[in-house]
Amino acid sequence: MWQIVFYEDHRSKSPVLEFINKLSAKDRAKISNDLRLLEEFGPNLGIPHARHIEGKLWELRPGDNRLFYFLYLDGKFVILHGFRKQTMKTPKKEIATALRRMNELLEK
């Protein structure tokens, strides 16, 4: 089994968990299922549940929501950023937020 943790900022707040907690019960259930699949299959999880974005960055695809993540250390995935997808193409600012958070963790 793989481990999943959620990104926390310098104030120990998790913007990802705040995003998830504001969603409907149905959307939270979809996210919970995809996180369970990520724990079970790890990097072997693919379309339609997960898709490679760039470099080490991947996205989890539960319904209309997206969660960016990467494989950090020792079998640990960090969920970096979440947003509701409203267009066909993923907005660059959403990817930039995830990359900034990932780089912050990698520089520690």
Protein backbone atom coordinates (compact mmCIF):
# COMPACT_ATOMS: atom_id res chain seq x y z
CA MET A 1 0.00 0.00 0.00
CA TRP A 2 1.06 3.53 -0.76
CA GLN A 3 0.62 6.42 1.64
CA ILE A 4 -1.22 9.67 0.87
CA VAL A 5 -0.60 12.97 2.65
CA PHE A 6 -1.99 16.42 1.94
CA TYR A 7 0.13 19.49 1.34
CA GLU A 8 0.25 21.94 4.26
CA ASP A 9 1.44 25.53 4.02
CA HIS A 10 3.71 27.31 6.51
CA ARG A 11 0.69 27.86 8.83
CA SER A 12 -0.05 24.11 8.86
CA LYS A 13 -3.22 24.71 6.80
CA SER A 14 -4.15 22.36 3.98
CA PRO A 15 -5.74 24.22 1.06
CA VAL A 16 -6.44 20.86 -0.59
CA LEU A 17 -8.45 19.53 2.36
CA GLU A 18 -10.28 22.86 2.61
CA PHE A 19 -11.23 22.51 -1.08
CA ILE A 20 -12.40 18.90 -0.62
CA ASN A 21 -14.41 19.68 2.51
CA LYS A 22 -16.42 22.35 0.65
CA LEU A 23 -17.57 19.84 -2.01
CA SER A 24 -20.84 17.93 -2.06
CA ALA A 25 -21.02 14.49 -0.42
CA LYS A 26 -21.17 12.92 -3.90
CA ASP A 27 -17.98 14.68 -5.04
CA ARG A 28 -16.19 13.83 -1.77
CA ALA A 29 -17.15 10.15 -2.29
CA LYS A 30 -15.63 10.21 -5.80
CA ILE A 31 -12.45 11.76 -4.43
CA SER A 32 -12.31 9.22 -1.61
CA ASN A 33 -12.61 6.37 -4.12
CA ASP A 34 -9.85 7.74 -6.37
CA LEU A 35 -7.57 8.30 -3.35
CA ARG A 36 -8.23 4.69 -2.32
CA LEU A 37 -7.25 3.55 -5.83
CA LEU A 38 -4.08 5.66 -5.68
CA GLU A 39 -3.19 4.03 -2.34
CA GLU A 40 -3.74 0.60 -3.83
CA PHE A 41 -2.17 0.94 -7.28
CA GLY A 42 0.31 3.76 -6.74
CA PRO A 43 2.14 4.87 -9.88
CA ASN A 44 0.39 2.16 -11.90
CA LEU A 45 -2.94 4.00 -11.63
CA GLY A 46 -3.77 5.43 -15.03
CA ILE A 47 -6.58 6.73 -17.22
CA PRO A 48 -9.42 7.34 -16.42
CA HIS A 49 -8.43 7.91 -12.77
CA ALA A 50 -5.01 9.52 -13.14
CA ARG A 51 -3.06 11.32 -15.85
CA HIS A 52 0.53 12.55 -16.11
CA ILE A 53 0.80 16.34 -16.42
CA GLU A 54 4.52 17.15 -16.59
CA GLY A 55 7.72 16.14 -14.84
CA LYS A 56 6.78 14.54 -11.52
CA LEU A 57 3.30 16.11 -11.51
CA TRP A 58 0.17 13.98 -11.97
CA GLU A 59 -3.54 14.67 -11.67
CA LEU A 60 -6.22 12.56 -10.05
CA ARG A 61 -9.49 12.84 -11.99
CA PRO A 62 -12.54 12.25 -9.76
CA GLY A 63 -15.50 13.54 -11.79
CA ASP A 64 -15.29 17.27 -12.54
CA ASN A 65 -12.64 17.81 -9.88
CA ARG A 66 -8.90 17.54 -10.23
CA LEU A 67 -6.27 16.88 -7.59
CA PHE A 68 -2.61 17.38 -8.46
CA TYR A 69 -0.11 15.11 -6.75
CA PHE A 70 3.41 13.70 -6.96
CA LEU A 71 5.36 10.78 -5.52
CA TYR A 72 7.47 12.30 -2.75
CA LEU A 73 9.54 9.88 -0.64
CA ASP A 74 9.27 6.31 0.59
CA GLY A 75 6.03 5.42 -1.17
CA LYS A 76 4.34 8.67 -0.13
CA PHE A 77 2.11 10.68 -2.45
CA VAL A 78 1.52 14.34 -1.64
CA ILE A 79 -1.78 15.81 -2.81
CA LEU A 80 -0.79 19.38 -3.70
CA HIS A 81 -3.77 21.25 -5.09
CA GLY A 82 -7.43 20.74 -5.98
CA PHE A 83 -9.85 22.58 -8.25
CA ARG A 84 -13.08 22.09 -10.19
CA LYS A 85 -12.39 21.65 -13.89
CA GLN A 86 -14.65 23.85 -16.01
CA THR A 87 -12.85 23.87 -19.37
CA MET A 88 -11.40 21.20 -21.63
CA LYS A 89 -7.83 22.34 -21.03
CA THR A 90 -6.40 22.54 -17.51
CA PRO A 91 -5.75 26.21 -16.66
CA LYS A 92 -2.05 27.06 -16.46
CA LYS A 93 -2.52 28.90 -13.13
CA GLU A 94 -3.79 25.67 -11.51
CA ILE A 95 -0.73 23.76 -12.74
CA ALA A 96 1.53 26.61 -11.58
CA THR A 97 0.06 26.45 -8.06
CA ALA A 98 0.73 22.71 -7.87
CA LEU A 99 4.26 23.06 -9.24
CA ARG A 100 5.07 25.85 -6.77
CA ARG A 101 3.91 23.70 -3.86
CA MET A 102 5.79 20.65 -5.14
CA ASN A 103 9.03 22.66 -5.56
CA GLU A 104 8.60 24.09 -2.06
CA LEU A 105 8.51 20.54 -0.62
CA LEU A 106 11.40 19.32 -2.74
CA GLU A 107 13.61 22.23 -1.60
CA LYS A 108 13.20 21.36 2.11
